[in-house]
Amino acid sequence: MDGSSSTTAGGGIGCGAGVLLGLIFLGAAIALFIMGVNRGGSAAFLGGAAACVILAIAIPVSVAVRQGKADEDAIAAVAASGARVEAQIVDVRNSTSNRAALYRIIAQGKNPVTGELQYFVGPSIRRDPSWHLRERKTVFVAVDRSDPSRGVMDFSFMPGEKPAGWTSCTQALPTFH
């Protein structure tokens, strides 16, 4: 999960390397299958092709899962020990993705790491938080001390499942389409 919360699962160099390894094994599977067919259906070649197909799928998936877990751990660490700011809620933005309504809380406050006045754009939320914000004027954000362009918004005021993902810290008011 990145600052815009599109991330929600995987990404980065590790995931790209996993996909590359997966493609290499898929290429090996195709080559072994062709050689197996040319040799009259040799079990060794066809078995090797099947093993390569399994690896071509398993490697990228396991790398993406591991990357997602590392991101979850980083988010939890920032939520627990990041530099906290109580930011003024300025808007709740609504956008549509895959025919589902998504909402984002936008707050403004002084970034405790940089000292600059910034907007804090929360991760995408599936349900409208407006009702839960009707008596709130502020929301807490924990800013990553090692990367002040991201943080974690505190959604403890909302019941049920909490949104997960990075909160981006930006000086420009974001626009959504």
C-alpha atoms as a PDB file:
ATOM      1  CA  MET A   1       0.000   0.000   0.000  1.00  0.00           C
ATOM      2  CA  ASP A   2       1.442   3.377  -1.052  1.00  0.00           C
ATOM      3  CA  GLY A   3       0.577   6.929  -0.271  1.00  0.00           C
ATOM      4  CA  SER A   4      -2.482   6.834  -2.446  1.00  0.00           C
ATOM      5  CA  SER A   5      -3.445   3.502  -1.160  1.00  0.00           C
ATOM      6  CA  SER A   6      -3.319   1.787  -4.451  1.00  0.00           C
ATOM      7  CA  THR A   7      -1.261  -0.363  -3.027  1.00  0.00           C
ATOM      8  CA  THR A   8      -2.690  -2.258  -1.307  1.00  0.00           C
ATOM      9  CA  ALA A   9      -0.967  -5.555  -1.962  1.00  0.00           C
ATOM     10  CA  GLY A  10       2.565  -5.977  -3.096  1.00  0.00           C
ATOM     11  CA  GLY A  11       4.534  -4.001  -5.625  1.00  0.00           C
ATOM     12  CA  GLY A  12       8.050  -2.692  -5.672  1.00  0.00           C
ATOM     13  CA  ILE A  13      11.285  -4.274  -6.825  1.00  0.00           C
ATOM     14  CA  GLY A  14      10.656  -7.586  -5.059  1.00  0.00           C
ATOM     15  CA  CYS A  15       7.365  -8.127  -6.838  1.00  0.00           C
ATOM     16  CA  GLY A  16       8.913  -7.208 -10.205  1.00  0.00           C
ATOM     17  CA  ALA A  17      11.706  -9.738  -9.631  1.00  0.00           C
ATOM     18  CA  GLY A  18       9.108 -12.379  -8.746  1.00  0.00           C
ATOM     19  CA  VAL A  19       7.215 -11.723 -11.961  1.00  0.00           C
ATOM     20  CA  LEU A  20      10.453 -11.896 -13.955  1.00  0.00           C
ATOM     21  CA  LEU A  21      11.338 -15.253 -12.386  1.00  0.00           C
ATOM     22  CA  GLY A  22       7.807 -16.432 -13.091  1.00  0.00           C
ATOM     23  CA  LEU A  23       8.161 -15.499 -16.766  1.00  0.00           C
ATOM     24  CA  ILE A  24      11.524 -17.277 -16.987  1.00  0.00           C
ATOM     25  CA  PHE A  25       9.985 -20.462 -15.568  1.00  0.00           C
ATOM     26  CA  LEU A  26       6.998 -20.104 -17.885  1.00  0.00           C
ATOM     27  CA  GLY A  27       9.385 -19.856 -20.846  1.00  0.00           C
ATOM     28  CA  ALA A  28      11.224 -22.935 -19.583  1.00  0.00           C
ATOM     29  CA  ALA A  29       7.895 -24.761 -19.278  1.00  0.00           C
ATOM     30  CA  ILE A  30       7.009 -23.981 -22.874  1.00  0.00           C
ATOM     31  CA  ALA A  31      10.448 -25.072 -24.111  1.00  0.00           C
ATOM     32  CA  LEU A  32      10.290 -28.327 -22.110  1.00  0.00           C
ATOM     33  CA  PHE A  33       6.758 -29.013 -23.346  1.00  0.00           C
ATOM     34  CA  ILE A  34       7.825 -28.555 -26.989  1.00  0.00           C
ATOM     35  CA  MET A  35      10.854 -30.791 -26.480  1.00  0.00           C
ATOM     36  CA  GLY A  36       8.651 -33.364 -24.748  1.00  0.00           C
ATOM     37  CA  VAL A  37       6.148 -33.404 -27.614  1.00  0.00           C
ATOM     38  CA  ASN A  38       8.978 -33.693 -30.159  1.00  0.00           C
ATOM     39  CA  ARG A  39      10.313 -36.732 -28.289  1.00  0.00           C
ATOM     40  CA  GLY A  40       7.016 -38.554 -28.426  1.00  0.00           C
ATOM     41  CA  GLY A  41       5.606 -37.285 -25.140  1.00  0.00           C
ATOM     42  CA  SER A  42       8.645 -37.997 -22.968  1.00  0.00           C
ATOM     43  CA  ALA A  43       7.478 -38.003 -19.349  1.00  0.00           C
ATOM     44  CA  ALA A  44      10.654 -36.292 -18.108  1.00  0.00           C
ATOM     45  CA  PHE A  45      10.186 -33.290 -20.365  1.00  0.00           C
ATOM     46  CA  LEU A  46       6.437 -33.031 -19.755  1.00  0.00           C
ATOM     47  CA  GLY A  47       6.941 -33.388 -15.986  1.00  0.00           C
ATOM     48  CA  GLY A  48       9.604 -30.682 -16.072  1.00  0.00           C
ATOM     49  CA  ALA A  49       7.223 -28.454 -18.016  1.00  0.00           C
ATOM     50  CA  ALA A  50       4.515 -28.974 -15.381  1.00  0.00           C
ATOM     51  CA  ALA A  51       6.956 -28.169 -12.569  1.00  0.00           C
ATOM     52  CA  CYS A  52       8.011 -24.975 -14.347  1.00  0.00           C
ATOM     53  CA  VAL A  53       4.378 -23.900 -14.777  1.00  0.00           C
ATOM     54  CA  ILE A  54       3.811 -24.397 -11.043  1.00  0.00           C
ATOM     55  CA  LEU A  55       6.922 -22.349 -10.232  1.00  0.00           C
ATOM     56  CA  ALA A  56       5.886 -19.678 -12.752  1.00  0.00           C
ATOM     57  CA  ILE A  57       2.704 -19.167 -10.735  1.00  0.00           C
ATOM     58  CA  ALA A  58       4.023 -19.771  -7.209  1.00  0.00           C
ATOM     59  CA  ILE A  59       7.056 -17.453  -7.263  1.00  0.00           C
ATOM     60  CA  PRO A  60       5.295 -14.181  -8.200  1.00  0.00           C
ATOM     61  CA  VAL A  61       2.401 -14.929  -5.826  1.00  0.00           C
ATOM     62  CA  SER A  62       4.686 -15.692  -2.876  1.00  0.00           C
ATOM     63  CA  VAL A  63       6.817 -12.592  -3.528  1.00  0.00           C
ATOM     64  CA  ALA A  64       3.697 -10.377  -3.731  1.00  0.00           C
ATOM     65  CA  VAL A  65       2.293 -11.851  -0.513  1.00  0.00           C
ATOM     66  CA  ARG A  66       5.617 -11.328   1.269  1.00  0.00           C
ATOM     67  CA  GLN A  67       5.808  -7.729  -0.021  1.00  0.00           C
ATOM     68  CA  GLY A  68       2.231  -7.086   1.163  1.00  0.00           C
ATOM     69  CA  LYS A  69       3.070  -8.453   4.620  1.00  0.00           C
ATOM     70  CA  ALA A  70       6.147  -6.217   4.824  1.00  0.00           C
ATOM     71  CA  ASP A  71       3.964  -3.222   3.933  1.00  0.00           C
ATOM     72  CA  GLU A  72       1.432  -4.183   6.628  1.00  0.00           C
ATOM     73  CA  ASP A  73       4.245  -4.415   9.176  1.00  0.00           C
ATOM     74  CA  ALA A  74       5.586  -0.988   8.137  1.00  0.00           C
ATOM     75  CA  ILE A  75       2.109   0.570   8.418  1.00  0.00           C
ATOM     76  CA  ALA A  76       1.657  -0.934  11.895  1.00  0.00           C
ATOM     77  CA  ALA A  77       5.085   0.366  12.986  1.00  0.00           C
ATOM     78  CA  VAL A  78       4.324   3.907  11.810  1.00  0.00           C
ATOM     79  CA  ALA A  79       0.873   3.803  13.435  1.00  0.00           C
ATOM     80  CA  ALA A  80       2.512   2.824  16.735  1.00  0.00           C
ATOM     81  CA  SER A  81       5.523   5.136  16.750  1.00  0.00           C
ATOM     82  CA  GLY A  82       5.116   7.754  14.009  1.00  0.00           C
ATOM     83  CA  ALA A  83       5.115  11.478  14.710  1.00  0.00           C
ATOM     84  CA  ARG A  84       1.468  12.296  15.493  1.00  0.00           C
ATOM     85  CA  VAL A  85      -0.519  15.291  14.330  1.00  0.00           C
ATOM     86  CA  GLU A  86      -4.142  16.226  14.943  1.00  0.00           C
ATOM     87  CA  ALA A  87      -5.264  17.487  11.534  1.00  0.00           C
ATOM     88  CA  GLN A  88      -8.404  19.457  10.660  1.00  0.00           C
ATOM     89  CA  ILE A  89     -10.826  17.521   8.437  1.00  0.00           C
ATOM     90  CA  VAL A  90     -11.393  19.586   5.281  1.00  0.00           C
ATOM     91  CA  ASP A  91     -13.281  17.179   3.030  1.00  0.00           C
ATOM     92  CA  VAL A  92     -14.533  13.669   2.366  1.00  0.00           C
ATOM     93  CA  ARG A  93     -14.044  12.882  -1.335  1.00  0.00           C
ATOM     94  CA  ASN A  94     -16.082  10.326  -3.216  1.00  0.00           C
ATOM     95  CA  SER A  95     -14.832   8.509  -6.304  1.00  0.00           C
ATOM     96  CA  THR A  96     -15.861   5.396  -8.173  1.00  0.00           C
ATOM     97  CA  SER A  97     -13.611   2.432  -8.919  1.00  0.00           C
ATOM     98  CA  ASN A  98     -14.923  -0.708 -10.615  1.00  0.00           C
ATOM     99  CA  ARG A  99     -18.480   0.551 -10.014  1.00  0.00           C
ATOM    100  CA  ALA A 100     -17.887   0.715  -6.254  1.00  0.00           C
ATOM    101  CA  ALA A 101     -18.012   3.978  -4.361  1.00  0.00           C
ATOM    102  CA  LEU A 102     -14.779   4.815  -2.569  1.00  0.00           C
ATOM    103  CA  TYR A 103     -14.267   7.606  -0.064  1.00  0.00           C
ATOM    104  CA  ARG A 104     -11.180   9.414   1.208  1.00  0.00           C
ATOM    105  CA  ILE A 105     -10.844  11.686   4.174  1.00  0.00           C
ATOM    106  CA  ILE A 106      -8.747  14.767   3.510  1.00  0.00           C
ATOM    107  CA  ALA A 107      -7.365  16.631   6.505  1.00  0.00           C
ATOM    108  CA  GLN A 108      -4.925  19.499   6.844  1.00  0.00           C
ATOM    109  CA  GLY A 109      -2.322  20.147   9.499  1.00  0.00           C
ATOM    110  CA  LYS A 110       1.329  20.816  10.192  1.00  0.00           C
ATOM    111  CA  ASN A 111       3.491  17.833   9.297  1.00  0.00           C
ATOM    112  CA  PRO A 112       5.350  17.118  12.563  1.00  0.00           C
ATOM    113  CA  VAL A 113       8.407  15.819  10.715  1.00  0.00           C
ATOM    114  CA  THR A 114       8.866  18.623   8.161  1.00  0.00           C
ATOM    115  CA  GLY A 115       7.054  21.451   9.960  1.00  0.00           C
ATOM    116  CA  GLU A 116       5.151  22.281   6.738  1.00  0.00           C
ATOM    117  CA  LEU A 117       1.404  22.786   6.433  1.00  0.00           C
ATOM    118  CA  GLN A 118       0.160  19.800   4.408  1.00  0.00           C
ATOM    119  CA  TYR A 119      -2.880  17.842   3.339  1.00  0.00           C
ATOM    120  CA  PHE A 120      -3.237  14.297   4.618  1.00  0.00           C
ATOM    121  CA  VAL A 121      -5.134  12.099   2.174  1.00  0.00           C
ATOM    122  CA  GLY A 122      -6.389   8.900   3.777  1.00  0.00           C
ATOM    123  CA  PRO A 123      -6.611   5.536   2.033  1.00  0.00           C
ATOM    124  CA  SER A 124      -9.716   4.520   0.110  1.00  0.00           C
ATOM    125  CA  ILE A 125     -12.678   3.548   2.275  1.00  0.00           C
ATOM    126  CA  ARG A 126     -15.566   1.447   0.970  1.00  0.00           C
ATOM    127  CA  ARG A 127     -18.209   3.003   3.196  1.00  0.00           C
ATOM    128  CA  ASP A 128     -18.993   6.677   3.580  1.00  0.00           C
ATOM    129  CA  PRO A 129     -17.306   7.961   6.776  1.00  0.00           C
ATOM    130  CA  SER A 130     -19.338  11.207   6.840  1.00  0.00           C
ATOM    131  CA  TRP A 131     -21.825   9.932   9.419  1.00  0.00           C
ATOM    132  CA  HIS A 132     -18.990   8.994  11.795  1.00  0.00           C
ATOM    133  CA  LEU A 133     -17.370  12.401  11.250  1.00  0.00           C
ATOM    134  CA  ARG A 134     -20.494  14.499  11.911  1.00  0.00           C
ATOM    135  CA  GLU A 135     -19.286  15.500  15.389  1.00  0.00           C
ATOM    136  CA  ARG A 136     -15.567  15.407  14.634  1.00  0.00           C
ATOM    137  CA  LYS A 137     -13.507  18.277  13.348  1.00  0.00           C
ATOM    138  CA  THR A 138     -10.128  16.528  13.464  1.00  0.00           C
ATOM    139  CA  VAL A 139      -8.453  13.202  12.801  1.00  0.00           C
ATOM    140  CA  PHE A 140      -5.088  11.925  14.019  1.00  0.00           C
ATOM    141  CA  VAL A 141      -2.324  11.026  11.568  1.00  0.00           C
ATOM    142  CA  ALA A 142       0.950   9.300  12.457  1.00  0.00           C
ATOM    143  CA  VAL A 143       3.646  10.476  10.023  1.00  0.00           C
ATOM    144  CA  ASP A 144       6.530   8.190   9.052  1.00  0.00           C
ATOM    145  CA  ARG A 145       9.696   9.744  10.491  1.00  0.00           C
ATOM    146  CA  SER A 146      11.889   8.143   7.798  1.00  0.00           C
ATOM    147  CA  ASP A 147       9.547   9.154   4.920  1.00  0.00           C
ATOM    148  CA  PRO A 148       7.500  12.249   5.818  1.00  0.00           C
ATOM    149  CA  SER A 149       5.510  11.983   2.576  1.00  0.00           C
ATOM    150  CA  ARG A 150       3.468   9.141   4.063  1.00  0.00           C
ATOM    151  CA  GLY A 151       1.632   8.392   7.244  1.00  0.00           C
ATOM    152  CA  VAL A 152      -1.191   6.396   8.783  1.00  0.00           C
ATOM    153  CA  MET A 153      -4.594   7.935   9.491  1.00  0.00           C
ATOM    154  CA  ASP A 154      -6.304   6.853  12.713  1.00  0.00           C
ATOM    155  CA  PHE A 155      -9.726   5.343  11.952  1.00  0.00           C
ATOM    156  CA  SER A 156     -10.476   4.236  15.519  1.00  0.00           C
ATOM    157  CA  PHE A 157     -13.618   6.405  15.473  1.00  0.00           C
ATOM    158  CA  MET A 158     -15.177   4.109  12.842  1.00  0.00           C
ATOM    159  CA  PRO A 159     -16.776   0.842  13.941  1.00  0.00           C
ATOM    160  CA  GLY A 160     -16.115  -2.439  12.154  1.00  0.00           C
ATOM    161  CA  GLU A 161     -13.313  -3.168   9.744  1.00  0.00           C
ATOM    162  CA  LYS A 162     -10.757  -0.370   9.593  1.00  0.00           C
ATOM    163  CA  PRO A 163      -9.355   0.888   6.283  1.00  0.00           C
ATOM    164  CA  ALA A 164      -5.742  -0.090   5.692  1.00  0.00           C
ATOM    165  CA  GLY A 165      -3.132   1.676   3.655  1.00  0.00           C
ATOM    166  CA  TRP A 166      -0.821   4.617   3.595  1.00  0.00           C
ATOM    167  CA  THR A 167      -1.975   8.191   4.009  1.00  0.00           C
ATOM    168  CA  SER A 168      -0.207  10.531   1.622  1.00  0.00           C
ATOM    169  CA  CYS A 169       1.157  13.829   2.920  1.00  0.00           C
ATOM    170  CA  THR A 170       1.103  16.488   0.215  1.00  0.00           C
ATOM    171  CA  GLN A 171       1.213  20.269  -0.054  1.00  0.00           C
ATOM    172  CA  ALA A 172      -1.278  20.466  -2.920  1.00  0.00           C
ATOM    173  CA  LEU A 173      -4.974  19.755  -2.445  1.00  0.00           C
ATOM    174  CA  PRO A 174      -5.492  16.530  -4.417  1.00  0.00           C
ATOM    175  CA  THR A 175      -8.032  16.132  -7.195  1.00  0.00           C
ATOM    176  CA  PHE A 176      -9.763  12.833  -7.890  1.00  0.00           C
ATOM    177  CA  HIS A 177     -11.512  11.758 -11.052  1.00  0.00           C
END
